[in-house]
Amino acid sequence: MSVRRESNTEARGSSARARGLTHRHPSQVPLQDALDAVADPVRRTILRELAGQPDWTRACGTFDLPVSKATRSHHFAVLRAAGLIEQRDEGPRRFNRLRRAEFDRAFPGLLALVLAERA
């Protein structure tokens, strides 16, 4: 079951793009979905980069990833569906936050293993 959170931007009548964002709480994510999300090396790179930055400072387009724009969007959607990241739109950019505390409560130690991995 996915949980849709309404932000202040949505409450003011933002774009259809922002209204389409859904965020699943990690406690509602099956273990297999969490494992699948962290299994991909591109997604692990995203997580490690987010872990090293303050919340809401990295836009999707600022990641240097060896994939197309469409594939990049897919990776961010998988991470969001697994409860690993939260996203919000500010103008034309989509900013990200690693949901470390929430994910750690649902899957203790899993994110620490991913973040400790050498790139």
N, C-alpha and C. Protein backbone atom coordinates (compact mmCIF):
# COMPACT_ATOMS: atom_id res chain seq x y z
N MET A 1 0.85 -1.17 0.00
CA MET A 1 0.00 0.00 0.00
C MET A 1 0.89 1.23 0.00
N SER A 2 0.64 2.17 -0.86
CA SER A 2 1.46 3.37 -0.88
C SER A 2 0.75 4.48 -0.14
N VAL A 3 1.54 5.34 0.45
CA VAL A 3 1.01 6.46 1.20
C VAL A 3 1.33 7.72 0.43
N ARG A 4 0.34 8.52 0.21
CA ARG A 4 0.54 9.77 -0.53
C ARG A 4 0.60 10.89 0.48
N ARG A 5 1.68 11.62 0.47
CA ARG A 5 1.84 12.74 1.38
C ARG A 5 1.63 14.03 0.61
N GLU A 6 0.86 14.94 1.18
CA GLU A 6 0.63 16.22 0.52
C GLU A 6 1.58 17.24 1.11
N SER A 7 2.32 17.90 0.27
CA SER A 7 3.24 18.93 0.72
C SER A 7 2.56 20.29 0.66
N ASN A 8 3.23 21.29 1.20
CA ASN A 8 2.71 22.66 1.14
C ASN A 8 2.57 23.11 -0.30
N THR A 9 3.50 22.69 -1.16
CA THR A 9 3.43 23.06 -2.57
C THR A 9 2.17 22.50 -3.20
N GLU A 10 1.84 21.25 -2.89
CA GLU A 10 0.64 20.64 -3.46
C GLU A 10 -0.61 21.34 -2.97
N ALA A 11 -0.61 21.71 -1.70
CA ALA A 11 -1.79 22.35 -1.13
C ALA A 11 -2.07 23.68 -1.82
N ARG A 12 -1.02 24.32 -2.36
CA ARG A 12 -1.22 25.60 -3.05
C ARG A 12 -1.60 25.40 -4.51
N GLY A 13 -1.68 24.15 -4.99
CA GLY A 13 -2.09 23.93 -6.37
C GLY A 13 -0.90 23.86 -7.31
N SER A 14 0.02 22.97 -7.04
CA SER A 14 1.21 22.86 -7.86
C SER A 14 0.94 22.05 -9.12
N SER A 15 2.00 21.75 -9.83
CA SER A 15 1.91 21.06 -11.11
C SER A 15 1.42 19.63 -10.95
N ALA A 16 0.94 19.10 -12.06
CA ALA A 16 0.52 17.69 -12.08
C ALA A 16 1.70 16.78 -11.81
N ARG A 17 2.89 17.20 -12.21
CA ARG A 17 4.09 16.41 -11.97
C ARG A 17 4.27 16.17 -10.47
N ALA A 18 4.17 17.22 -9.67
CA ALA A 18 4.34 17.09 -8.22
C ALA A 18 3.21 16.29 -7.59
N ARG A 19 2.00 16.47 -8.09
CA ARG A 19 0.87 15.73 -7.52
C ARG A 19 0.99 14.24 -7.79
N GLY A 20 1.80 13.85 -8.77
CA GLY A 20 1.98 12.44 -9.09
C GLY A 20 2.96 11.72 -8.18
N LEU A 21 3.67 12.44 -7.32
CA LEU A 21 4.63 11.80 -6.42
C LEU A 21 3.91 11.06 -5.30
N THR A 22 4.27 9.81 -5.10
CA THR A 22 3.78 9.06 -3.96
C THR A 22 4.98 8.56 -3.18
N HIS A 23 4.84 8.56 -1.88
CA HIS A 23 5.92 8.12 -1.01
C HIS A 23 5.42 6.99 -0.12
N ARG A 24 6.13 5.90 -0.17
CA ARG A 24 5.79 4.73 0.62
C ARG A 24 6.65 4.74 1.88
N HIS A 25 6.04 4.57 3.02
CA HIS A 25 6.80 4.52 4.26
C HIS A 25 7.56 3.19 4.32
N PRO A 26 8.80 3.21 4.74
CA PRO A 26 9.59 1.97 4.78
C PRO A 26 8.93 0.84 5.57
N SER A 27 8.14 1.16 6.55
CA SER A 27 7.47 0.10 7.34
C SER A 27 6.44 -0.66 6.51
N GLN A 28 6.04 -0.12 5.37
CA GLN A 28 5.06 -0.77 4.49
C GLN A 28 5.72 -1.48 3.31
N VAL A 29 7.04 -1.49 3.29
CA VAL A 29 7.79 -2.08 2.18
C VAL A 29 8.16 -3.52 2.52
N PRO A 30 7.83 -4.49 1.66
CA PRO A 30 8.28 -5.86 1.89
C PRO A 30 9.81 -5.94 1.80
N LEU A 31 10.40 -6.85 2.55
CA LEU A 31 11.85 -7.02 2.54
C LEU A 31 12.38 -7.22 1.13
N GLN A 32 11.69 -8.00 0.31
CA GLN A 32 12.17 -8.26 -1.05
C GLN A 32 12.27 -6.98 -1.87
N ASP A 33 11.30 -6.07 -1.70
CA ASP A 33 11.35 -4.79 -2.42
C ASP A 33 12.55 -3.96 -1.97
N ALA A 34 12.83 -3.97 -0.67
CA ALA A 34 13.99 -3.23 -0.14
C ALA A 34 15.28 -3.83 -0.70
N LEU A 35 15.37 -5.15 -0.71
CA LEU A 35 16.57 -5.81 -1.25
C LEU A 35 16.74 -5.54 -2.74
N ASP A 36 15.64 -5.60 -3.48
CA ASP A 36 15.69 -5.31 -4.92
C ASP A 36 16.17 -3.88 -5.17
N ALA A 37 15.71 -2.95 -4.35
CA ALA A 37 16.08 -1.54 -4.55
C ALA A 37 17.57 -1.32 -4.34
N VAL A 38 18.15 -1.99 -3.35
CA VAL A 38 19.58 -1.77 -3.08
C VAL A 38 20.48 -2.71 -3.87
N ALA A 39 19.89 -3.60 -4.65
CA ALA A 39 20.69 -4.56 -5.42
C ALA A 39 21.39 -3.92 -6.61
N ASP A 40 20.85 -2.85 -7.13
CA ASP A 40 21.41 -2.23 -8.33
C ASP A 40 22.55 -1.27 -7.97
N PRO A 41 23.70 -1.38 -8.64
CA PRO A 41 24.83 -0.51 -8.31
C PRO A 41 24.58 0.97 -8.57
N VAL A 42 23.76 1.31 -9.54
CA VAL A 42 23.45 2.73 -9.79
C VAL A 42 22.65 3.28 -8.62
N ARG A 43 21.69 2.52 -8.13
CA ARG A 43 20.89 2.98 -6.99
C ARG A 43 21.74 3.07 -5.73
N ARG A 44 22.69 2.16 -5.55
CA ARG A 44 23.58 2.25 -4.39
C ARG A 44 24.44 3.52 -4.48
N THR A 45 24.86 3.88 -5.67
CA THR A 45 25.62 5.12 -5.86
C THR A 45 24.77 6.32 -5.46
N ILE A 46 23.52 6.35 -5.88
CA ILE A 46 22.62 7.44 -5.51
C ILE A 46 22.50 7.53 -3.99
N LEU A 47 22.30 6.41 -3.34
CA LEU A 47 22.14 6.40 -1.89
C LEU A 47 23.39 6.90 -1.18
N ARG A 48 24.56 6.45 -1.62
CA ARG A 48 25.81 6.90 -1.00
C ARG A 48 26.00 8.41 -1.19
N GLU A 49 25.69 8.91 -2.38
CA GLU A 49 25.83 10.35 -2.61
C GLU A 49 24.85 11.15 -1.76
N LEU A 50 23.63 10.67 -1.64
CA LEU A 50 22.64 11.38 -0.80
C LEU A 50 23.06 11.36 0.67
N ALA A 51 23.65 10.26 1.11
CA ALA A 51 24.05 10.14 2.51
C ALA A 51 25.12 11.17 2.87
N GLY A 52 25.89 11.61 1.90
CA GLY A 52 26.94 12.57 2.16
C GLY A 52 26.53 14.02 2.01
N GLN A 53 25.26 14.28 1.81
CA GLN A 53 24.76 15.65 1.59
C GLN A 53 23.63 15.97 2.55
N PRO A 54 23.44 17.25 2.88
CA PRO A 54 22.28 17.63 3.69
C PRO A 54 20.97 17.34 2.93
N ASP A 55 19.91 17.10 3.67
CA ASP A 55 18.60 16.84 3.06
C ASP A 55 18.20 17.97 2.12
N TRP A 56 17.56 17.59 1.04
CA TRP A 56 16.95 18.50 0.07
C TRP A 56 17.96 19.39 -0.67
N THR A 57 19.22 18.97 -0.77
CA THR A 57 20.20 19.78 -1.48
C THR A 57 20.59 19.18 -2.83
N ARG A 58 20.21 17.94 -3.10
CA ARG A 58 20.60 17.30 -4.36
C ARG A 58 19.39 17.09 -5.25
N ALA A 59 19.43 17.69 -6.41
CA ALA A 59 18.39 17.47 -7.42
C ALA A 59 18.78 16.24 -8.24
N CYS A 60 17.80 15.58 -8.81
CA CYS A 60 18.05 14.37 -9.59
C CYS A 60 19.07 14.59 -10.70
N GLY A 61 19.01 15.72 -11.36
CA GLY A 61 19.89 15.99 -12.49
C GLY A 61 21.34 16.26 -12.10
N THR A 62 21.64 16.36 -10.81
CA THR A 62 23.00 16.67 -10.38
C THR A 62 23.85 15.43 -10.15
N PHE A 63 23.27 14.26 -10.30
CA PHE A 63 24.01 13.02 -10.11
C PHE A 63 24.70 12.63 -11.42
N ASP A 64 25.97 12.32 -11.34
CA ASP A 64 26.73 11.89 -12.51
C ASP A 64 26.58 10.37 -12.62
N LEU A 65 25.58 9.93 -13.37
CA LEU A 65 25.29 8.50 -13.48
C LEU A 65 25.47 8.05 -14.93
N PRO A 66 25.94 6.82 -15.11
CA PRO A 66 26.19 6.32 -16.48
C PRO A 66 24.95 5.75 -17.15
N VAL A 67 23.83 6.48 -17.04
CA VAL A 67 22.56 5.99 -17.60
C VAL A 67 21.82 7.15 -18.26
N SER A 68 20.83 6.82 -19.07
CA SER A 68 20.02 7.85 -19.73
C SER A 68 19.12 8.55 -18.72
N LYS A 69 18.54 9.66 -19.14
CA LYS A 69 17.63 10.41 -18.27
C LYS A 69 16.42 9.56 -17.86
N ALA A 70 15.87 8.79 -18.79
CA ALA A 70 14.72 7.93 -18.48
C ALA A 70 15.10 6.85 -17.47
N THR A 71 16.27 6.27 -17.63
CA THR A 71 16.72 5.23 -16.70
C THR A 71 17.00 5.84 -15.33
N ARG A 72 17.55 7.04 -15.31
CA ARG A 72 17.79 7.75 -14.05
C ARG A 72 16.46 7.95 -13.32
N SER A 73 15.44 8.39 -14.04
CA SER A 73 14.12 8.58 -13.44
C SER A 73 13.58 7.28 -12.86
N HIS A 74 13.78 6.20 -13.58
CA HIS A 74 13.34 4.88 -13.10
C HIS A 74 14.04 4.53 -11.79
N HIS A 75 15.34 4.74 -11.71
CA HIS A 75 16.08 4.41 -10.49
C HIS A 75 15.57 5.21 -9.30
N PHE A 76 15.32 6.50 -9.52
CA PHE A 76 14.79 7.31 -8.41
C PHE A 76 13.39 6.84 -8.01
N ALA A 77 12.57 6.43 -8.96
CA ALA A 77 11.23 5.93 -8.64
C ALA A 77 11.30 4.64 -7.83
N VAL A 78 12.24 3.76 -8.17
CA VAL A 78 12.40 2.51 -7.41
C VAL A 78 12.82 2.83 -5.97
N LEU A 79 13.75 3.74 -5.80
CA LEU A 79 14.19 4.11 -4.46
C LEU A 79 13.06 4.74 -3.65
N ARG A 80 12.25 5.56 -4.31
CA ARG A 80 11.10 6.18 -3.64
C ARG A 80 10.07 5.13 -3.24
N ALA A 81 9.79 4.18 -4.14
CA ALA A 81 8.81 3.12 -3.85
C ALA A 81 9.27 2.19 -2.74
N ALA A 82 10.58 2.07 -2.57
CA ALA A 82 11.11 1.22 -1.50
C ALA A 82 11.24 1.96 -0.18
N GLY A 83 10.85 3.22 -0.16
CA GLY A 83 10.90 3.99 1.08
C GLY A 83 12.28 4.50 1.43
N LEU A 84 13.21 4.45 0.50
CA LEU A 84 14.58 4.88 0.77
C LEU A 84 14.78 6.38 0.61
N ILE A 85 14.02 6.99 -0.29
CA ILE A 85 14.16 8.43 -0.49
C ILE A 85 12.79 9.09 -0.50
N GLU A 86 12.82 10.37 -0.24
CA GLU A 86 11.64 11.22 -0.37
C GLU A 86 12.03 12.30 -1.37
N GLN A 87 11.09 12.71 -2.19
CA GLN A 87 11.37 13.72 -3.21
C GLN A 87 10.34 14.85 -3.13
N ARG A 88 10.79 16.03 -3.54
CA ARG A 88 9.86 17.16 -3.66
C ARG A 88 10.33 18.03 -4.82
N ASP A 89 9.38 18.62 -5.48
CA ASP A 89 9.64 19.47 -6.63
C ASP A 89 9.74 20.92 -6.18
N GLU A 90 10.75 21.59 -6.71
CA GLU A 90 10.91 23.03 -6.52
C GLU A 90 11.19 23.61 -7.89
N GLY A 91 10.20 24.23 -8.47
CA GLY A 91 10.32 24.70 -9.84
C GLY A 91 10.52 23.50 -10.76
N PRO A 92 11.47 23.60 -11.67
CA PRO A 92 11.69 22.49 -12.61
C PRO A 92 12.56 21.37 -12.05
N ARG A 93 13.05 21.52 -10.82
CA ARG A 93 13.97 20.54 -10.25
C ARG A 93 13.29 19.68 -9.19
N ARG A 94 13.74 18.43 -9.10
CA ARG A 94 13.22 17.50 -8.10
C ARG A 94 14.35 17.19 -7.12
N PHE A 95 14.13 17.58 -5.86
CA PHE A 95 15.13 17.41 -4.82
C PHE A 95 14.85 16.15 -4.00
N ASN A 96 15.91 15.63 -3.38
CA ASN A 96 15.86 14.34 -2.71
C ASN A 96 16.32 14.40 -1.27
N ARG A 97 15.76 13.50 -0.49
CA ARG A 97 16.17 13.32 0.90
C ARG A 97 16.27 11.83 1.17
N LEU A 98 17.38 11.40 1.75
CA LEU A 98 17.54 10.01 2.17
C LEU A 98 16.74 9.81 3.45
N ARG A 99 15.89 8.79 3.46
CA ARG A 99 15.04 8.53 4.63
C ARG A 99 15.74 7.54 5.56
N ARG A 100 16.94 7.90 5.98
CA ARG A 100 17.80 7.01 6.75
C ARG A 100 17.13 6.51 8.05
N ALA A 101 16.65 7.41 8.87
CA ALA A 101 16.08 7.00 10.17
C ALA A 101 14.87 6.08 9.97
N GLU A 102 13.97 6.44 9.07
CA GLU A 102 12.77 5.63 8.85
C GLU A 102 13.13 4.25 8.29
N PHE A 103 14.06 4.23 7.34
CA PHE A 103 14.46 2.97 6.71
C PHE A 103 15.20 2.09 7.72
N ASP A 104 16.04 2.71 8.55
CA ASP A 104 16.77 1.94 9.57
C ASP A 104 15.84 1.29 10.58
N ARG A 105 14.74 1.95 10.91
CA ARG A 105 13.78 1.34 11.83
C ARG A 105 13.11 0.12 11.20
N ALA A 106 12.85 0.18 9.91
CA ALA A 106 12.18 -0.93 9.23
C ALA A 106 13.15 -2.06 8.88
N PHE A 107 14.38 -1.70 8.51
CA PHE A 107 15.37 -2.69 8.07
C PHE A 107 16.72 -2.39 8.74
N PRO A 108 16.84 -2.69 10.04
CA PRO A 108 18.06 -2.34 10.77
C PRO A 108 19.32 -2.93 10.11
N GLY A 109 20.28 -2.05 9.88
CA GLY A 109 21.57 -2.48 9.35
C GLY A 109 21.69 -2.55 7.84
N LEU A 110 20.60 -2.64 7.12
CA LEU A 110 20.66 -2.81 5.66
C LEU A 110 21.27 -1.58 4.99
N LEU A 111 20.80 -0.42 5.33
CA LEU A 111 21.31 0.80 4.71
C LEU A 111 22.77 1.03 5.10
N ALA A 112 23.13 0.70 6.33
CA ALA A 112 24.53 0.86 6.77
C ALA A 112 25.46 -0.01 5.91
N LEU A 113 25.02 -1.21 5.56
CA LEU A 113 25.83 -2.06 4.69
C LEU A 113 26.02 -1.43 3.31
N VAL A 114 24.96 -0.89 2.78
CA VAL A 114 25.02 -0.26 1.46
C VAL A 114 25.95 0.95 1.50
N LEU A 115 25.81 1.77 2.53
CA LEU A 115 26.61 2.99 2.60
C LEU A 115 28.07 2.71 2.88
N ALA A 116 28.36 1.59 3.52
CA ALA A 116 29.75 1.22 3.83
C ALA A 116 30.47 0.59 2.66
N GLU A 117 29.72 0.16 1.65
CA GLU A 117 30.31 -0.49 0.47
C GLU A 117 31.25 0.47 -0.23
N ARG A 118 32.36 -0.04 -0.67
CA ARG A 118 33.28 0.78 -1.45
C ARG A 118 32.78 0.86 -2.88
N ALA A 119 32.81 2.05 -3.42
CA ALA A 119 32.30 2.27 -4.79
C ALA A 119 33.22 1.59 -5.81
